[in-house]
Structures are given as structure tokens and as C-alpha cells.
C-alpha atoms as a PDB file:
ATOM      1  CA  UNK A   1     -23.144  34.075   1.377  1.00  0.00           C
ATOM      2  CA  UNK A   2     -19.644  32.768   2.119  1.00  0.00           C
ATOM      3  CA  UNK A   3     -17.339  32.517  -0.876  1.00  0.00           C
ATOM      4  CA  UNK A   4     -15.746  29.073  -0.777  1.00  0.00           C
ATOM      5  CA  UNK A   5     -12.085  29.006  -1.714  1.00  0.00           C
ATOM      6  CA  UNK A   6     -11.599  25.500  -2.987  1.00  0.00           C
ATOM      7  CA  UNK A   7      -8.411  24.040  -4.330  1.00  0.00           C
ATOM      8  CA  UNK A   8      -8.156  21.861  -7.438  1.00  0.00           C
ATOM      9  CA  UNK A   9      -6.820  18.313  -7.789  1.00  0.00           C
ATOM     10  CA  UNK A  10      -6.234  16.976 -11.283  1.00  0.00           C
ATOM     11  CA  UNK A  11      -6.199  13.211 -10.879  1.00  0.00           C
ATOM     12  CA  UNK A  12      -4.797  11.216 -13.784  1.00  0.00           C
ATOM     13  CA  UNK A  13      -4.394   7.562 -14.509  1.00  0.00           C
ATOM     14  CA  UNK A  14      -1.077   6.637 -16.117  1.00  0.00           C
ATOM     15  CA  UNK A  15      -0.999   5.997 -19.861  1.00  0.00           C
ATOM     16  CA  UNK A  16      -1.461   2.602 -21.480  1.00  0.00           C
ATOM     17  CA  UNK A  17       1.034  -0.182 -20.765  1.00  0.00           C
ATOM     18  CA  UNK A  18       1.583  -3.733 -22.021  1.00  0.00           C
ATOM     19  CA  UNK A  19       1.353  -6.367 -19.301  1.00  0.00           C
ATOM     20  CA  UNK A  20       2.139  -9.390 -21.532  1.00  0.00           C
ATOM     21  CA  UNK A  21       5.103  -9.815 -23.867  1.00  0.00           C
ATOM     22  CA  UNK A  22       4.891 -11.041 -27.475  1.00  0.00           C
ATOM     23  CA  UNK A  23       4.920 -14.639 -26.256  1.00  0.00           C
ATOM     24  CA  UNK A  24       2.038 -14.074 -23.845  1.00  0.00           C
ATOM     25  CA  UNK A  25       4.214 -14.149 -20.725  1.00  0.00           C
ATOM     26  CA  UNK A  26       3.163 -11.707 -17.966  1.00  0.00           C
ATOM     27  CA  UNK A  27       5.509  -8.779 -17.261  1.00  0.00           C
ATOM     28  CA  UNK A  28       5.981  -7.701 -13.654  1.00  0.00           C
ATOM     29  CA  UNK A  29       3.481  -4.837 -13.141  1.00  0.00           C
ATOM     30  CA  UNK A  30       6.032  -3.007 -10.977  1.00  0.00           C
ATOM     31  CA  UNK A  31       8.321  -2.671 -13.992  1.00  0.00           C
ATOM     32  CA  UNK A  32       6.159  -2.046 -17.063  1.00  0.00           C
ATOM     33  CA  UNK A  33       6.815   1.209 -18.961  1.00  0.00           C
ATOM     34  CA  UNK A  34       4.325   3.056 -21.119  1.00  0.00           C
ATOM     35  CA  UNK A  35       3.757   1.620 -24.557  1.00  0.00           C
ATOM     36  CA  UNK A  36       3.444   3.771 -27.690  1.00  0.00           C
ATOM     37  CA  UNK A  37      -0.257   4.430 -27.083  1.00  0.00           C
ATOM     38  CA  UNK A  38       0.464   5.314 -23.457  1.00  0.00           C
ATOM     39  CA  UNK A  39       3.044   7.899 -24.470  1.00  0.00           C
ATOM     40  CA  UNK A  40       0.564   9.376 -26.952  1.00  0.00           C
ATOM     41  CA  UNK A  41      -2.106   9.575 -24.231  1.00  0.00           C
ATOM     42  CA  UNK A  42       0.215  11.241 -21.726  1.00  0.00           C
ATOM     43  CA  UNK A  43       1.387  13.780 -24.289  1.00  0.00           C
ATOM     44  CA  UNK A  44      -2.218  14.505 -25.311  1.00  0.00           C
ATOM     45  CA  UNK A  45      -3.152  15.122 -21.663  1.00  0.00           C
ATOM     46  CA  UNK A  46      -0.184  17.446 -21.298  1.00  0.00           C
ATOM     47  CA  UNK A  47      -1.315  19.426 -24.333  1.00  0.00           C
ATOM     48  CA  UNK A  48      -4.775  19.876 -22.756  1.00  0.00           C
ATOM     49  CA  UNK A  49      -3.214  21.316 -19.594  1.00  0.00           C
ATOM     50  CA  UNK A  50      -0.865  23.505 -21.653  1.00  0.00           C
ATOM     51  CA  UNK A  51      -3.707  24.897 -23.769  1.00  0.00           C
ATOM     52  CA  UNK A  52      -5.477  25.955 -20.568  1.00  0.00           C
ATOM     53  CA  UNK A  53      -2.310  27.561 -19.222  1.00  0.00           C
ATOM     54  CA  UNK A  54      -2.447  25.424 -16.080  1.00  0.00           C
ATOM     55  CA  UNK A  55       0.413  25.472 -13.586  1.00  0.00           C
ATOM     56  CA  UNK A  56       0.814  22.876 -10.866  1.00  0.00           C
ATOM     57  CA  UNK A  57       2.042  23.717  -7.373  1.00  0.00           C
ATOM     58  CA  UNK A  58       2.518  20.050  -6.508  1.00  0.00           C
ATOM     59  CA  UNK A  59       2.866  16.855  -8.561  1.00  0.00           C
ATOM     60  CA  UNK A  60       2.516  13.431  -6.947  1.00  0.00           C
ATOM     61  CA  UNK A  61       3.253  10.006  -8.469  1.00  0.00           C
ATOM     62  CA  UNK A  62       3.209   6.533  -6.957  1.00  0.00           C
ATOM     63  CA  UNK A  63       6.804   5.887  -7.980  1.00  0.00           C
ATOM     64  CA  UNK A  64       5.989   3.016 -10.337  1.00  0.00           C
ATOM     65  CA  UNK A  65       7.600   3.692 -13.734  1.00  0.00           C
ATOM     66  CA  UNK A  66       4.315   4.126 -15.581  1.00  0.00           C
ATOM     67  CA  UNK A  67       3.234   7.009 -13.335  1.00  0.00           C
ATOM     68  CA  UNK A  68       6.657   8.672 -13.386  1.00  0.00           C
ATOM     69  CA  UNK A  69       6.838   8.500 -17.176  1.00  0.00           C
ATOM     70  CA  UNK A  70       3.292   9.811 -17.617  1.00  0.00           C
ATOM     71  CA  UNK A  71       3.939  12.768 -15.315  1.00  0.00           C
ATOM     72  CA  UNK A  72       7.179  13.537 -17.129  1.00  0.00           C
ATOM     73  CA  UNK A  73       5.447  13.666 -20.509  1.00  0.00           C
ATOM     74  CA  UNK A  74       2.655  15.864 -19.130  1.00  0.00           C
ATOM     75  CA  UNK A  75       5.128  18.310 -17.595  1.00  0.00           C
ATOM     76  CA  UNK A  76       7.171  18.378 -20.804  1.00  0.00           C
ATOM     77  CA  UNK A  77       4.101  19.773 -22.585  1.00  0.00           C
ATOM     78  CA  UNK A  78       3.297  22.344 -19.891  1.00  0.00           C
ATOM     79  CA  UNK A  79       6.931  23.451 -19.741  1.00  0.00           C
ATOM     80  CA  UNK A  80       7.060  23.185 -15.957  1.00  0.00           C
ATOM     81  CA  UNK A  81      10.241  22.074 -14.255  1.00  0.00           C
ATOM     82  CA  UNK A  82       8.798  20.591 -11.079  1.00  0.00           C
ATOM     83  CA  UNK A  83      10.057  17.459  -9.381  1.00  0.00           C
ATOM     84  CA  UNK A  84       7.215  15.005  -8.685  1.00  0.00           C
ATOM     85  CA  UNK A  85       6.859  13.743  -5.130  1.00  0.00           C
ATOM     86  CA  UNK A  86       6.824   9.953  -4.786  1.00  0.00           C
ATOM     87  CA  UNK A  87       4.097   8.608  -2.495  1.00  0.00           C
ATOM     88  CA  UNK A  88       4.514   4.810  -2.542  1.00  0.00           C
ATOM     89  CA  UNK A  89       1.344   4.374  -0.459  1.00  0.00           C
ATOM     90  CA  UNK A  90      -0.494   5.248  -3.679  1.00  0.00           C
ATOM     91  CA  UNK A  91       0.838   2.322  -5.707  1.00  0.00           C
ATOM     92  CA  UNK A  92      -1.801   0.258  -7.466  1.00  0.00           C
ATOM     93  CA  UNK A  93      -3.807  -2.523  -5.821  1.00  0.00           C
ATOM     94  CA  UNK A  94      -1.381  -5.348  -5.151  1.00  0.00           C
ATOM     95  CA  UNK A  95      -2.287  -8.665  -6.722  1.00  0.00           C
ATOM     96  CA  UNK A  96      -1.297 -12.130  -5.597  1.00  0.00           C
ATOM     97  CA  UNK A  97       0.252 -14.970  -7.577  1.00  0.00           C
ATOM     98  CA  UNK A  98      -1.702 -15.456 -10.804  1.00  0.00           C
ATOM     99  CA  UNK A  99      -0.641 -19.087 -11.186  1.00  0.00           C
ATOM    100  CA  UNK A 100      -2.292 -19.880  -7.837  1.00  0.00           C
ATOM    101  CA  UNK A 101      -5.739 -18.820  -9.090  1.00  0.00           C
ATOM    102  CA  UNK A 102      -7.779 -21.763 -10.455  1.00  0.00           C
ATOM    103  CA  UNK A 103      -9.378 -21.401 -13.886  1.00  0.00           C
ATOM    104  CA  UNK A 104     -12.907 -21.208 -12.486  1.00  0.00           C
ATOM    105  CA  UNK A 105     -11.947 -18.300 -10.195  1.00  0.00           C
ATOM    106  CA  UNK A 106     -10.132 -16.189 -12.785  1.00  0.00           C
ATOM    107  CA  UNK A 107     -13.038 -13.919 -13.695  1.00  0.00           C
ATOM    108  CA  UNK A 108     -13.831 -13.076 -10.091  1.00  0.00           C
ATOM    109  CA  UNK A 109     -10.134 -12.484  -9.353  1.00  0.00           C
ATOM    110  CA  UNK A 110      -9.675 -10.107 -12.301  1.00  0.00           C
ATOM    111  CA  UNK A 111     -12.916  -8.128 -12.422  1.00  0.00           C
ATOM    112  CA  UNK A 112     -14.551  -8.681  -9.003  1.00  0.00           C
ATOM    113  CA  UNK A 113     -12.681  -5.808  -7.379  1.00  0.00           C
ATOM    114  CA  UNK A 114     -14.242  -3.414  -9.904  1.00  0.00           C
ATOM    115  CA  UNK A 115     -17.815  -4.728  -9.886  1.00  0.00           C
ATOM    116  CA  UNK A 116     -20.301  -2.190  -8.521  1.00  0.00           C
ATOM    117  CA  UNK A 117     -20.196  -1.346  -4.813  1.00  0.00           C
ATOM    118  CA  UNK A 118     -17.315  -3.582  -3.773  1.00  0.00           C
ATOM    119  CA  UNK A 119     -17.199  -5.087  -0.253  1.00  0.00           C
ATOM    120  CA  UNK A 120     -14.014  -4.439   1.704  1.00  0.00           C
ATOM    121  CA  UNK A 121     -13.152  -8.126   2.002  1.00  0.00           C
ATOM    122  CA  UNK A 122     -12.922  -8.658  -1.764  1.00  0.00           C
ATOM    123  CA  UNK A 123      -9.384  -9.208  -3.017  1.00  0.00           C
ATOM    124  CA  UNK A 124      -7.673  -8.118  -6.223  1.00  0.00           C
ATOM    125  CA  UNK A 125      -6.085 -11.024  -8.117  1.00  0.00           C
ATOM    126  CA  UNK A 126      -5.957 -12.988  -4.886  1.00  0.00           C
ATOM    127  CA  UNK A 127      -3.852 -10.283  -3.222  1.00  0.00           C
ATOM    128  CA  UNK A 128      -4.714  -7.044  -1.447  1.00  0.00           C
ATOM    129  CA  UNK A 129      -8.267  -6.448  -0.259  1.00  0.00           C
ATOM    130  CA  UNK A 130     -10.335  -3.355  -0.957  1.00  0.00           C
ATOM    131  CA  UNK A 131     -10.351  -2.574   2.771  1.00  0.00           C
ATOM    132  CA  UNK A 132      -6.554  -2.675   2.843  1.00  0.00           C
ATOM    133  CA  UNK A 133      -6.471  -0.353  -0.152  1.00  0.00           C
ATOM    134  CA  UNK A 134      -8.778   2.142   1.580  1.00  0.00           C
ATOM    135  CA  UNK A 135      -6.615   1.981   4.720  1.00  0.00           C
ATOM    136  CA  UNK A 136      -3.633   3.369   2.805  1.00  0.00           C
ATOM    137  CA  UNK A 137      -5.366   5.720   0.341  1.00  0.00           C
ATOM    138  CA  UNK A 138      -7.657   7.733   2.628  1.00  0.00           C
ATOM    139  CA  UNK A 139      -4.868   8.887   5.004  1.00  0.00           C
ATOM    140  CA  UNK A 140      -2.836  10.041   1.986  1.00  0.00           C
ATOM    141  CA  UNK A 141      -5.685  12.168   0.706  1.00  0.00           C
ATOM    142  CA  UNK A 142      -6.297  13.583   4.184  1.00  0.00           C
ATOM    143  CA  UNK A 143      -2.578  14.459   4.407  1.00  0.00           C
ATOM    144  CA  UNK A 144      -2.664  16.127   0.995  1.00  0.00           C
ATOM    145  CA  UNK A 145      -5.684  18.216   1.982  1.00  0.00           C
ATOM    146  CA  UNK A 146      -4.086  19.214   5.282  1.00  0.00           C
ATOM    147  CA  UNK A 147      -1.108  20.683   3.393  1.00  0.00           C
ATOM    148  CA  UNK A 148      -2.105  24.283   2.653  1.00  0.00           C
ATOM    149  CA  UNK A 149       0.995  25.040   0.548  1.00  0.00           C
ATOM    150  CA  UNK A 150      -0.667  24.256  -2.792  1.00  0.00           C
ATOM    151  CA  UNK A 151      -3.632  25.491  -4.812  1.00  0.00           C
ATOM    152  CA  UNK A 152      -3.475  23.209  -7.877  1.00  0.00           C
ATOM    153  CA  UNK A 153      -2.097  19.675  -7.678  1.00  0.00           C
ATOM    154  CA  UNK A 154      -1.538  16.957 -10.267  1.00  0.00           C
ATOM    155  CA  UNK A 155      -1.729  13.333  -9.103  1.00  0.00           C
ATOM    156  CA  UNK A 156      -0.680  10.666 -11.613  1.00  0.00           C
ATOM    157  CA  UNK A 157      -1.766   7.333 -10.209  1.00  0.00           C
ATOM    158  CA  UNK A 158      -3.608   4.103 -11.084  1.00  0.00           C
ATOM    159  CA  UNK A 159      -7.077   2.828 -11.956  1.00  0.00           C
ATOM    160  CA  UNK A 160      -7.798   1.207  -8.585  1.00  0.00           C
ATOM    161  CA  UNK A 161      -6.275   4.065  -6.589  1.00  0.00           C
ATOM    162  CA  UNK A 162      -8.232   6.636  -8.572  1.00  0.00           C
ATOM    163  CA  UNK A 163     -11.480   4.765  -7.926  1.00  0.00           C
ATOM    164  CA  UNK A 164     -10.730   4.829  -4.196  1.00  0.00           C
ATOM    165  CA  UNK A 165     -10.116   8.595  -4.315  1.00  0.00           C
ATOM    166  CA  UNK A 166     -13.189   9.315  -6.440  1.00  0.00           C
ATOM    167  CA  UNK A 167     -15.340   7.118  -4.188  1.00  0.00           C
ATOM    168  CA  UNK A 168     -14.069   9.031  -1.153  1.00  0.00           C
ATOM    169  CA  UNK A 169     -14.854  12.342  -2.861  1.00  0.00           C
ATOM    170  CA  UNK A 170     -18.352  11.272  -3.907  1.00  0.00           C
ATOM    171  CA  UNK A 171     -19.429   9.634  -0.641  1.00  0.00           C
ATOM    172  CA  UNK A 172     -17.065  10.875   2.115  1.00  0.00           C
ATOM    173  CA  UNK A 173     -17.271   7.288   3.405  1.00  0.00           C
ATOM    174  CA  UNK A 174     -15.318   4.026   3.346  1.00  0.00           C
ATOM    175  CA  UNK A 175     -16.945   2.934   0.096  1.00  0.00           C
ATOM    176  CA  UNK A 176     -15.391   1.692  -3.141  1.00  0.00           C
ATOM    177  CA  UNK A 177     -17.337   2.260  -6.365  1.00  0.00           C
ATOM    178  CA  UNK A 178     -15.651  -0.216  -8.674  1.00  0.00           C
ATOM    179  CA  UNK A 179     -17.478   0.681 -11.863  1.00  0.00           C
ATOM    180  CA  UNK A 180     -16.082   4.218 -12.070  1.00  0.00           C
ATOM    181  CA  UNK A 181     -14.222   3.810 -15.354  1.00  0.00           C
ATOM    182  CA  UNK A 182     -10.630   5.023 -15.483  1.00  0.00           C
ATOM    183  CA  UNK A 183      -9.329   4.843 -19.030  1.00  0.00           C
ATOM    184  CA  UNK A 184      -5.564   4.878 -19.480  1.00  0.00           C
ATOM    185  CA  UNK A 185      -4.307   8.471 -19.549  1.00  0.00           C
ATOM    186  CA  UNK A 186      -7.609   9.913 -18.300  1.00  0.00           C
ATOM    187  CA  UNK A 187      -8.033  13.150 -16.357  1.00  0.00           C
ATOM    188  CA  UNK A 188     -10.385  13.739 -13.409  1.00  0.00           C
ATOM    189  CA  UNK A 189     -10.876  17.124 -11.742  1.00  0.00           C
ATOM    190  CA  UNK A 190     -11.858  17.453  -8.085  1.00  0.00           C
ATOM    191  CA  UNK A 191     -12.194  20.551  -5.934  1.00  0.00           C
ATOM    192  CA  UNK A 192     -11.609  20.392  -2.176  1.00  0.00           C
ATOM    193  CA  UNK A 193     -12.569  22.830   0.544  1.00  0.00           C
ATOM    194  CA  UNK A 194     -11.543  23.100   4.170  1.00  0.00           C
ATOM    195  CA  UNK A 195     -14.302  20.905   5.582  1.00  0.00           C
ATOM    196  CA  UNK A 196     -13.834  17.108   5.252  1.00  0.00           C
ATOM    197  CA  UNK A 197     -17.075  16.674   3.300  1.00  0.00           C
ATOM    198  CA  UNK A 198     -16.399  19.651   1.001  1.00  0.00           C
ATOM    199  CA  UNK A 199     -15.683  17.897  -2.279  1.00  0.00           C
ATOM    200  CA  UNK A 200     -16.882  18.906  -5.734  1.00  0.00           C
ATOM    201  CA  UNK A 201     -16.272  16.379  -8.519  1.00  0.00           C
ATOM    202  CA  UNK A 202     -15.972  18.395 -11.740  1.00  0.00           C
ATOM    203  CA  UNK A 203     -14.702  15.975 -14.394  1.00  0.00           C
ATOM    204  CA  UNK A 204     -14.444  12.175 -14.453  1.00  0.00           C
ATOM    205  CA  UNK A 205     -12.553  10.019 -16.971  1.00  0.00           C
ATOM    206  CA  UNK A 206     -11.885  12.668 -19.625  1.00  0.00           C
ATOM    207  CA  UNK A 207      -9.575  10.809 -21.977  1.00  0.00           C
ATOM    208  CA  UNK A 208      -7.589  12.744 -24.566  1.00  0.00           C
ATOM    209  CA  UNK A 209      -6.959  12.016 -27.368  1.00  0.00           C
ATOM    210  CA  UNK A 210     -10.048   9.732 -27.519  1.00  0.00           C
ATOM    211  CA  UNK A 211     -12.617  12.142 -26.128  1.00  0.00           C
ATOM    212  CA  UNK A 212     -15.653   9.920 -26.783  1.00  0.00           C
ATOM    213  CA  UNK A 213     -13.849   6.612 -26.073  1.00  0.00           C
ATOM    214  CA  UNK A 214     -15.514   4.894 -29.010  1.00  0.00           C
ATOM    215  CA  UNK A 215     -12.806   2.317 -29.601  1.00  0.00           C
ATOM    216  CA  UNK A 216     -13.792  -0.117 -26.834  1.00  0.00           C
ATOM    217  CA  UNK A 217     -16.572  -1.026 -24.422  1.00  0.00           C
ATOM    218  CA  UNK A 218     -14.480  -3.458 -22.407  1.00  0.00           C
ATOM    219  CA  UNK A 219     -12.758  -2.521 -19.169  1.00  0.00           C
ATOM    220  CA  UNK A 220      -9.024  -2.746 -18.668  1.00  0.00           C
ATOM    221  CA  UNK A 221      -9.398  -5.787 -16.401  1.00  0.00           C
ATOM    222  CA  UNK A 222     -11.722  -7.568 -18.845  1.00  0.00           C
ATOM    223  CA  UNK A 223      -9.119  -7.103 -21.554  1.00  0.00           C
ATOM    224  CA  UNK A 224      -6.331  -8.316 -19.271  1.00  0.00           C
ATOM    225  CA  UNK A 225      -8.389 -11.346 -18.276  1.00  0.00           C
ATOM    226  CA  UNK A 226      -8.713 -12.431 -21.889  1.00  0.00           C
ATOM    227  CA  UNK A 227      -5.004 -11.867 -22.488  1.00  0.00           C
ATOM    228  CA  UNK A 228      -4.111 -13.913 -19.425  1.00  0.00           C
ATOM    229  CA  UNK A 229      -6.463 -16.745 -20.346  1.00  0.00           C
ATOM    230  CA  UNK A 230      -4.718 -16.999 -23.728  1.00  0.00           C
ATOM    231  CA  UNK A 231      -1.278 -16.998 -22.092  1.00  0.00           C
ATOM    232  CA  UNK A 232      -2.369 -19.670 -19.577  1.00  0.00           C
ATOM    233  CA  UNK A 233      -3.813 -21.832 -22.325  1.00  0.00           C
ATOM    234  CA  UNK A 234      -0.560 -21.527 -24.270  1.00  0.00           C
END
């Protein structure tokens, strides 16, 4: 029997951020830093990697501040001095103009892109479609797999991007499984072999320090929808 030599991808979502200021005004998602909880989550994830003695050969971030900061806090715990690579193609799903979305369409705009098996034409917050997201994510993952210089990689990305990657790993098709939860600061573990369909999904949505995630049963986008509705009403 052939012994498969698979490589490991640790896929994280950035830590928690605050998308609305104290007055309820939206903050540009391209600029938001981690909040206190987000820094705690990133540090907790770093401690998990450190306890296992893990070393990364490659670290990739999207370049948005929340991914850069999360990766920095993780690496601070592992003690590795490795410069993350910035892959801007892996920035989060790009929304449209919130003020242009009518009240009756808000729920679909916020949560529709993460509702079950999502059709490619569906758009996120009136902006980018799921098909457009797949068009930029899949080639990045293929490029990463074609690079044989690494054995263990850390990717610190976003909820929508991570769903696209996990869906690719689980189906090896152009499918987007929107209800794959990605809690802020979570860790996924995926093994990849040489053949395109050789994926093994080991861990999904492991979320230190809240291992059992008992504090909420709402999704990130459901929470953001309620916050935005309050800000719009104000």
C-alpha cells in the first residue's frame, strides 16, 4: 500500500473585530483592527500551536489589517520570526454600498451568501457574487498546492474565503457551502496530497479559547445584520 505524504494547511479566520463605532456608524471593513476579544482569540490560537510545537514553513495573509494582526499575535506565541506573504486575492467577499440596499432586502443581502448550498449568482451585501469569489480563490489554492517548498502552512484569512476553501476541499468542485461556521479566531486543519482530489479535512472551526462555543448560536452575519438595522434606524 502506498504511503501518502500529505502536507498540512492550518486555515484560520482572523480574530473578532468591531464593524460599528459607539454611535452605530459602520467602519470601513478594509480598515478595522482586532478588538480586545479578537486579540485574545488570536493569542489563544497561538498558544495552541505553541503547545504542539508546530513550526510553519509558510504564512499567508490577505493583507487586510485584521489578518495581519492575527497572524502576528499567533507567531508571537510560537516564537517564529517568519514574514507573512500577502495574497490580496484572498481578501474577504467584497460587499456593495449598504445604503443602497432597501430595508426589505437587508436579510437576504447579509445572510443569503451563507445560506446552505449557495448559487454562484448570489451576491454578498449587493457586491461580489459567489462565482466571482470562487474565480479568485480556487486558483490561489491550486498555486499554493503546486508550490512544493513547504510542508506546513498557516493561512490567516476570512469567513467567506475560508468557506470557499473548505468547500473546495470537501467537494473538489465549484460549490460553496455557506453554512460551514467560521467563528472569529477559529482554526481548521486540512491535509493535501499530490492529486487534485486528495484532500483530508481534519479539523473544522476549532475556536480557542471558547472550545465549545456556548456563548452564541447566531452567526457573524446575523449579528451584523441586527447591528446595522439599529444603526439605520438611528
